[in-house]
Amino acid sequence: YAIYSIYLPTFSPISSIAQYIPYMW
């Protein structure tokens, strides 16, 4: 919940390219 649902798609360095990464949808 903390990392996968909030940090990675919103605050992490990969947030701007998350849509291109498998498993991030």
PDB file of all heavy atoms in Angstrom:
ATOM      1  N   TYR A   1       0.840  -1.199   0.000  1.00  0.00           N
ATOM      2  CA  TYR A   1       0.000   0.000   0.000  1.00  0.00           C
ATOM      3  C   TYR A   1       0.875   1.250   0.000  1.00  0.00           C
ATOM      4  O   TYR A   1       0.641   2.190  -0.774  1.00  0.00           O
ATOM      5  CB  TYR A   1      -0.916  -0.003   1.225  1.00  0.00           C
ATOM      6  CG  TYR A   1      -1.952   1.103   1.219  1.00  0.00           C
ATOM      7  CD1 TYR A   1      -3.244   0.856   0.792  1.00  0.00           C
ATOM      8  CD2 TYR A   1      -1.638   2.396   1.634  1.00  0.00           C
ATOM      9  CE1 TYR A   1      -4.206   1.870   0.773  1.00  0.00           C
ATOM     10  CE2 TYR A   1      -2.573   3.411   1.616  1.00  0.00           C
ATOM     11  CZ  TYR A   1      -3.864   3.138   1.196  1.00  0.00           C
ATOM     12  OH  TYR A   1      -4.793   4.150   1.178  1.00  0.00           O
ATOM     13  N   ALA A   2       1.883   1.252   0.864  1.00  0.00           N
ATOM     14  CA  ALA A   2       2.739   2.439   1.004  1.00  0.00           C
ATOM     15  C   ALA A   2       3.644   2.635  -0.208  1.00  0.00           C
ATOM     16  O   ALA A   2       3.788   3.758  -0.711  1.00  0.00           O
ATOM     17  CB  ALA A   2       3.575   2.328   2.273  1.00  0.00           C
ATOM     18  N   ILE A   3       4.251   1.548  -0.687  1.00  0.00           N
ATOM     19  CA  ILE A   3       5.255   1.666  -1.742  1.00  0.00           C
ATOM     20  C   ILE A   3       4.644   1.557  -3.135  1.00  0.00           C
ATOM     21  O   ILE A   3       4.842   2.429  -3.990  1.00  0.00           O
ATOM     22  CB  ILE A   3       6.352   0.591  -1.559  1.00  0.00           C
ATOM     23  CG1 ILE A   3       7.064   0.790  -0.216  1.00  0.00           C
ATOM     24  CG2 ILE A   3       7.344   0.632  -2.707  1.00  0.00           C
ATOM     25  CD1 ILE A   3       8.049  -0.300   0.132  1.00  0.00           C
ATOM     26  N   TYR A   4       3.873   0.490  -3.361  1.00  0.00           N
ATOM     27  CA  TYR A   4       3.358   0.195  -4.703  1.00  0.00           C
ATOM     28  C   TYR A   4       2.197   1.108  -5.095  1.00  0.00           C
ATOM     29  O   TYR A   4       2.101   1.548  -6.244  1.00  0.00           O
ATOM     30  CB  TYR A   4       2.926  -1.270  -4.741  1.00  0.00           C
ATOM     31  CG  TYR A   4       2.440  -1.760  -6.083  1.00  0.00           C
ATOM     32  CD1 TYR A   4       3.249  -1.696  -7.218  1.00  0.00           C
ATOM     33  CD2 TYR A   4       1.168  -2.320  -6.224  1.00  0.00           C
ATOM     34  CE1 TYR A   4       2.809  -2.162  -8.447  1.00  0.00           C
ATOM     35  CE2 TYR A   4       0.717  -2.792  -7.437  1.00  0.00           C
ATOM     36  CZ  TYR A   4       1.542  -2.706  -8.550  1.00  0.00           C
ATOM     37  OH  TYR A   4       1.099  -3.168  -9.768  1.00  0.00           O
ATOM     38  N   SER A   5       1.311   1.401  -4.132  1.00  0.00           N
ATOM     39  CA  SER A   5       0.119   2.183  -4.466  1.00  0.00           C
ATOM     40  C   SER A   5       0.329   3.689  -4.332  1.00  0.00           C
ATOM     41  O   SER A   5      -0.383   4.465  -4.969  1.00  0.00           O
ATOM     42  CB  SER A   5      -1.056   1.755  -3.571  1.00  0.00           C
ATOM     43  OG  SER A   5      -1.386   0.407  -3.776  1.00  0.00           O
ATOM     44  N   ILE A   6       1.294   4.110  -3.499  1.00  0.00           N
ATOM     45  CA  ILE A   6       1.465   5.552  -3.256  1.00  0.00           C
ATOM     46  C   ILE A   6       2.836   6.059  -3.701  1.00  0.00           C
ATOM     47  O   ILE A   6       2.930   6.950  -4.544  1.00  0.00           O
ATOM     48  CB  ILE A   6       1.221   5.880  -1.770  1.00  0.00           C
ATOM     49  CG1 ILE A   6      -0.239   5.587  -1.395  1.00  0.00           C
ATOM     50  CG2 ILE A   6       1.555   7.340  -1.478  1.00  0.00           C
ATOM     51  CD1 ILE A   6      -0.570   5.808   0.052  1.00  0.00           C
ATOM     52  N   TYR A   7       3.910   5.482  -3.147  1.00  0.00           N
ATOM     53  CA  TYR A   7       5.239   6.046  -3.401  1.00  0.00           C
ATOM     54  C   TYR A   7       5.659   5.930  -4.867  1.00  0.00           C
ATOM     55  O   TYR A   7       6.028   6.928  -5.504  1.00  0.00           O
ATOM     56  CB  TYR A   7       6.279   5.384  -2.500  1.00  0.00           C
ATOM     57  CG  TYR A   7       7.694   5.811  -2.824  1.00  0.00           C
ATOM     58  CD1 TYR A   7       8.140   7.092  -2.508  1.00  0.00           C
ATOM     59  CD2 TYR A   7       8.566   4.941  -3.484  1.00  0.00           C
ATOM     60  CE1 TYR A   7       9.436   7.500  -2.834  1.00  0.00           C
ATOM     61  CE2 TYR A   7       9.860   5.341  -3.808  1.00  0.00           C
ATOM     62  CZ  TYR A   7      10.288   6.612  -3.482  1.00  0.00           C
ATOM     63  OH  TYR A   7      11.559   7.008  -3.814  1.00  0.00           O
ATOM     64  N   LEU A   8       5.630   4.734  -5.416  1.00  0.00           N
ATOM     65  CA  LEU A   8       6.145   4.524  -6.773  1.00  0.00           C
ATOM     66  C   LEU A   8       5.391   5.341  -7.828  1.00  0.00           C
ATOM     67  O   LEU A   8       6.024   6.025  -8.648  1.00  0.00           O
ATOM     68  CB  LEU A   8       6.122   3.032  -7.128  1.00  0.00           C
ATOM     69  CG  LEU A   8       7.156   2.160  -6.400  1.00  0.00           C
ATOM     70  CD1 LEU A   8       7.008   0.700  -6.799  1.00  0.00           C
ATOM     71  CD2 LEU A   8       8.574   2.641  -6.696  1.00  0.00           C
ATOM     72  N   PRO A   9       4.052   5.326  -7.848  1.00  0.00           N
ATOM     73  CA  PRO A   9       3.365   6.082  -8.909  1.00  0.00           C
ATOM     74  C   PRO A   9       3.274   7.588  -8.669  1.00  0.00           C
ATOM     75  O   PRO A   9       2.894   8.328  -9.573  1.00  0.00           O
ATOM     76  CB  PRO A   9       1.962   5.456  -8.927  1.00  0.00           C
ATOM     77  CG  PRO A   9       1.751   4.932  -7.557  1.00  0.00           C
ATOM     78  CD  PRO A   9       3.104   4.498  -7.065  1.00  0.00           C
ATOM     79  N   THR A  10       3.627   8.061  -7.470  1.00  0.00           N
ATOM     80  CA  THR A  10       3.410   9.481  -7.159  1.00  0.00           C
ATOM     81  C   THR A  10       4.693  10.223  -6.791  1.00  0.00           C
ATOM     82  O   THR A  10       4.936  11.333  -7.277  1.00  0.00           O
ATOM     83  CB  THR A  10       2.410   9.624  -5.998  1.00  0.00           C
ATOM     84  OG1 THR A  10       1.229   8.876  -6.290  1.00  0.00           O
ATOM     85  CG2 THR A  10       2.039  11.079  -5.780  1.00  0.00           C
ATOM     86  N   PHE A  11       5.520   9.644  -5.952  1.00  0.00           N
ATOM     87  CA  PHE A  11       6.668  10.373  -5.402  1.00  0.00           C
ATOM     88  C   PHE A  11       8.030   9.858  -5.878  1.00  0.00           C
ATOM     89  O   PHE A  11       9.021  10.543  -5.686  1.00  0.00           O
ATOM     90  CB  PHE A  11       6.634  10.310  -3.868  1.00  0.00           C
ATOM     91  CG  PHE A  11       5.398  10.912  -3.260  1.00  0.00           C
ATOM     92  CD1 PHE A  11       4.422  10.114  -2.683  1.00  0.00           C
ATOM     93  CD2 PHE A  11       5.194  12.285  -3.281  1.00  0.00           C
ATOM     94  CE1 PHE A  11       3.280  10.664  -2.118  1.00  0.00           C
ATOM     95  CE2 PHE A  11       4.057  12.844  -2.731  1.00  0.00           C
ATOM     96  CZ  PHE A  11       3.093  12.040  -2.150  1.00  0.00           C
ATOM     97  N   SER A  12       8.080   8.696  -6.465  1.00  0.00           N
ATOM     98  CA  SER A  12       9.375   8.084  -6.796  1.00  0.00           C
ATOM     99  C   SER A  12       9.964   8.676  -8.075  1.00  0.00           C
ATOM    100  O   SER A  12       9.258   9.323  -8.863  1.00  0.00           O
ATOM    101  CB  SER A  12       9.208   6.571  -6.972  1.00  0.00           C
ATOM    102  OG  SER A  12       8.554   6.299  -8.199  1.00  0.00           O
ATOM    103  N   PRO A  13      11.253   8.427  -8.332  1.00  0.00           N
ATOM    104  CA  PRO A  13      11.878   8.919  -9.572  1.00  0.00           C
ATOM    105  C   PRO A  13      11.251   8.327 -10.836  1.00  0.00           C
ATOM    106  O   PRO A  13      11.380   8.911 -11.915  1.00  0.00           O
ATOM    107  CB  PRO A  13      13.344   8.472  -9.424  1.00  0.00           C
ATOM    108  CG  PRO A  13      13.548   8.315  -7.952  1.00  0.00           C
ATOM    109  CD  PRO A  13      12.246   7.835  -7.408  1.00  0.00           C
ATOM    110  N   ILE A  14      10.588   7.176 -10.718  1.00  0.00           N
ATOM    111  CA  ILE A  14      10.009   6.546 -11.913  1.00  0.00           C
ATOM    112  C   ILE A  14       8.548   6.930 -12.125  1.00  0.00           C
ATOM    113  O   ILE A  14       7.886   6.418 -13.024  1.00  0.00           O
ATOM    114  CB  ILE A  14      10.117   5.010 -11.831  1.00  0.00           C
ATOM    115  CG1 ILE A  14       9.222   4.468 -10.712  1.00  0.00           C
ATOM    116  CG2 ILE A  14      11.550   4.563 -11.646  1.00  0.00           C
ATOM    117  CD1 ILE A  14       9.044   2.963 -10.743  1.00  0.00           C
ATOM    118  N   SER A  15       8.022   7.836 -11.290  1.00  0.00           N
ATOM    119  CA  SER A  15       6.597   8.158 -11.368  1.00  0.00           C
ATOM    120  C   SER A  15       6.196   8.695 -12.741  1.00  0.00           C
ATOM    121  O   SER A  15       5.090   8.435 -13.215  1.00  0.00           O
ATOM    122  CB  SER A  15       6.219   9.162 -10.276  1.00  0.00           C
ATOM    123  OG  SER A  15       6.955  10.366 -10.417  1.00  0.00           O
ATOM    124  N   SER A  16       7.098   9.433 -13.395  1.00  0.00           N
ATOM    125  CA  SER A  16       6.758  10.036 -14.689  1.00  0.00           C
ATOM    126  C   SER A  16       6.771   9.029 -15.830  1.00  0.00           C
ATOM    127  O   SER A  16       6.200   9.281 -16.897  1.00  0.00           O
ATOM    128  CB  SER A  16       7.723  11.175 -15.007  1.00  0.00           C
ATOM    129  OG  SER A  16       9.056  10.702 -15.072  1.00  0.00           O
ATOM    130  N   ILE A  17       7.393   7.884 -15.615  1.00  0.00           N
ATOM    131  CA  ILE A  17       7.466   6.867 -16.676  1.00  0.00           C
ATOM    132  C   ILE A  17       6.804   5.556 -16.245  1.00  0.00           C
ATOM    133  O   ILE A  17       6.964   4.537 -16.910  1.00  0.00           O
ATOM    134  CB  ILE A  17       8.934   6.588 -17.080  1.00  0.00           C
ATOM    135  CG1 ILE A  17       9.748   6.105 -15.859  1.00  0.00           C
ATOM    136  CG2 ILE A  17       9.568   7.832 -17.685  1.00  0.00           C
ATOM    137  CD1 ILE A  17      11.115   5.580 -16.220  1.00  0.00           C
ATOM    138  N   ALA A  18       6.048   5.604 -15.144  1.00  0.00           N
ATOM    139  CA  ALA A  18       5.465   4.373 -14.604  1.00  0.00           C
ATOM    140  C   ALA A  18       4.549   3.686 -15.602  1.00  0.00           C
ATOM    141  O   ALA A  18       4.451   2.448 -15.628  1.00  0.00           O
ATOM    142  CB  ALA A  18       4.694   4.693 -13.322  1.00  0.00           C
ATOM    143  N   GLN A  19       3.891   4.446 -16.456  1.00  0.00           N
ATOM    144  CA  GLN A  19       2.945   3.851 -17.405  1.00  0.00           C
ATOM    145  C   GLN A  19       3.635   2.975 -18.451  1.00  0.00           C
ATOM    146  O   GLN A  19       2.986   2.161 -19.107  1.00  0.00           O
ATOM    147  CB  GLN A  19       2.164   4.955 -18.094  1.00  0.00           C
ATOM    148  CG  GLN A  19       3.022   5.949 -18.848  1.00  0.00           C
ATOM    149  CD  GLN A  19       2.228   7.158 -19.313  1.00  0.00           C
ATOM    150  OE1 GLN A  19       1.037   7.062 -19.565  1.00  0.00           O
ATOM    151  NE2 GLN A  19       2.882   8.308 -19.409  1.00  0.00           N
ATOM    152  N   TYR A  20       4.934   3.130 -18.608  1.00  0.00           N
ATOM    153  CA  TYR A  20       5.672   2.339 -19.594  1.00  0.00           C
ATOM    154  C   TYR A  20       6.297   1.085 -18.987  1.00  0.00           C
ATOM    155  O   TYR A  20       6.916   0.291 -19.693  1.00  0.00           O
ATOM    156  CB  TYR A  20       6.785   3.183 -20.230  1.00  0.00           C
ATOM    157  CG  TYR A  20       6.292   4.498 -20.774  1.00  0.00           C
ATOM    158  CD1 TYR A  20       6.694   5.703 -20.197  1.00  0.00           C
ATOM    159  CD2 TYR A  20       5.413   4.542 -21.850  1.00  0.00           C
ATOM    160  CE1 TYR A  20       6.231   6.928 -20.687  1.00  0.00           C
ATOM    161  CE2 TYR A  20       4.946   5.764 -22.343  1.00  0.00           C
ATOM    162  CZ  TYR A  20       5.358   6.947 -21.757  1.00  0.00           C
ATOM    163  OH  TYR A  20       4.891   8.143 -22.240  1.00  0.00           O
ATOM    164  N   ILE A  21       6.136   0.914 -17.684  1.00  0.00           N
ATOM    165  CA  ILE A  21       6.809  -0.167 -16.969  1.00  0.00           C
ATOM    166  C   ILE A  21       5.818  -1.290 -16.662  1.00  0.00           C
ATOM    167  O   ILE A  21       4.774  -1.050 -16.054  1.00  0.00           O
ATOM    168  CB  ILE A  21       7.428   0.352 -15.661  1.00  0.00           C
ATOM    169  CG1 ILE A  21       8.411   1.492 -15.947  1.00  0.00           C
ATOM    170  CG2 ILE A  21       8.121  -0.779 -14.904  1.00  0.00           C
ATOM    171  CD1 ILE A  21       8.967   2.141 -14.693  1.00  0.00           C
ATOM    172  N   PRO A  22       6.121  -2.521 -17.053  1.00  0.00           N
ATOM    173  CA  PRO A  22       5.249  -3.650 -16.701  1.00  0.00           C
ATOM    174  C   PRO A  22       5.101  -3.786 -15.189  1.00  0.00           C
ATOM    175  O   PRO A  22       6.042  -3.517 -14.436  1.00  0.00           O
ATOM    176  CB  PRO A  22       6.000  -4.855 -17.285  1.00  0.00           C
ATOM    177  CG  PRO A  22       6.834  -4.289 -18.389  1.00  0.00           C
ATOM    178  CD  PRO A  22       7.230  -2.915 -17.924  1.00  0.00           C
ATOM    179  N   TYR A  23       3.921  -4.180 -14.778  1.00  0.00           N
ATOM    180  CA  TYR A  23       3.529  -4.383 -13.383  1.00  0.00           C
ATOM    181  C   TYR A  23       3.081  -3.102 -12.694  1.00  0.00           C
ATOM    182  O   TYR A  23       2.525  -3.134 -11.601  1.00  0.00           O
ATOM    183  CB  TYR A  23       4.658  -5.018 -12.559  1.00  0.00           C
ATOM    184  CG  TYR A  23       4.202  -5.538 -11.203  1.00  0.00           C
ATOM    185  CD1 TYR A  23       3.308  -6.600 -11.112  1.00  0.00           C
ATOM    186  CD2 TYR A  23       4.650  -4.963 -10.031  1.00  0.00           C
ATOM    187  CE1 TYR A  23       2.872  -7.079  -9.890  1.00  0.00           C
ATOM    188  CE2 TYR A  23       4.220  -5.430  -8.783  1.00  0.00           C
ATOM    189  CZ  TYR A  23       3.340  -6.476  -8.731  1.00  0.00           C
ATOM    190  OH  TYR A  23       2.899  -6.942  -7.510  1.00  0.00           O
ATOM    191  N   MET A  24       3.266  -1.941 -13.329  1.00  0.00           N
ATOM    192  CA  MET A  24       2.918  -0.695 -12.663  1.00  0.00           C
ATOM    193  C   MET A  24       1.462  -0.279 -12.872  1.00  0.00           C
ATOM    194  O   MET A  24       0.990   0.644 -12.236  1.00  0.00           O
ATOM    195  CB  MET A  24       3.841   0.437 -13.119  1.00  0.00           C
ATOM    196  CG  MET A  24       5.264   0.337 -12.578  1.00  0.00           C
ATOM    197  SD  MET A  24       5.323   0.199 -10.782  1.00  0.00           S
ATOM    198  CE  MET A  24       4.576   1.736 -10.300  1.00  0.00           C
ATOM    199  N   TRP A  25       0.759  -0.949 -13.780  1.00  0.00           N
ATOM    200  CA  TRP A  25      -0.669  -0.672 -13.962  1.00  0.00           C
ATOM    201  C   TRP A  25      -1.421  -1.442 -12.887  1.00  0.00           C
ATOM    202  O   TRP A  25      -2.013  -2.499 -13.135  1.00  0.00           O
ATOM    203  CB  TRP A  25      -1.120  -1.084 -15.362  1.00  0.00           C
ATOM    204  CG  TRP A  25      -0.545  -0.221 -16.457  1.00  0.00           C
ATOM    205  CD1 TRP A  25       0.774  -0.036 -16.756  1.00  0.00           C
ATOM    206  CD2 TRP A  25      -1.286   0.575 -17.390  1.00  0.00           C
ATOM    207  NE1 TRP A  25       0.922   0.824 -17.810  1.00  0.00           N
ATOM    208  CE2 TRP A  25      -0.334   1.220 -18.227  1.00  0.00           C
ATOM    209  CE3 TRP A  25      -2.634   0.804 -17.599  1.00  0.00           C
ATOM    210  CZ2 TRP A  25      -0.706   2.072 -19.254  1.00  0.00           C
ATOM    211  CZ3 TRP A  25      -3.013   1.661 -18.630  1.00  0.00           C
ATOM    212  CH2 TRP A  25      -2.063   2.285 -19.446  1.00  0.00           C
TER     213      TRP A  25
END
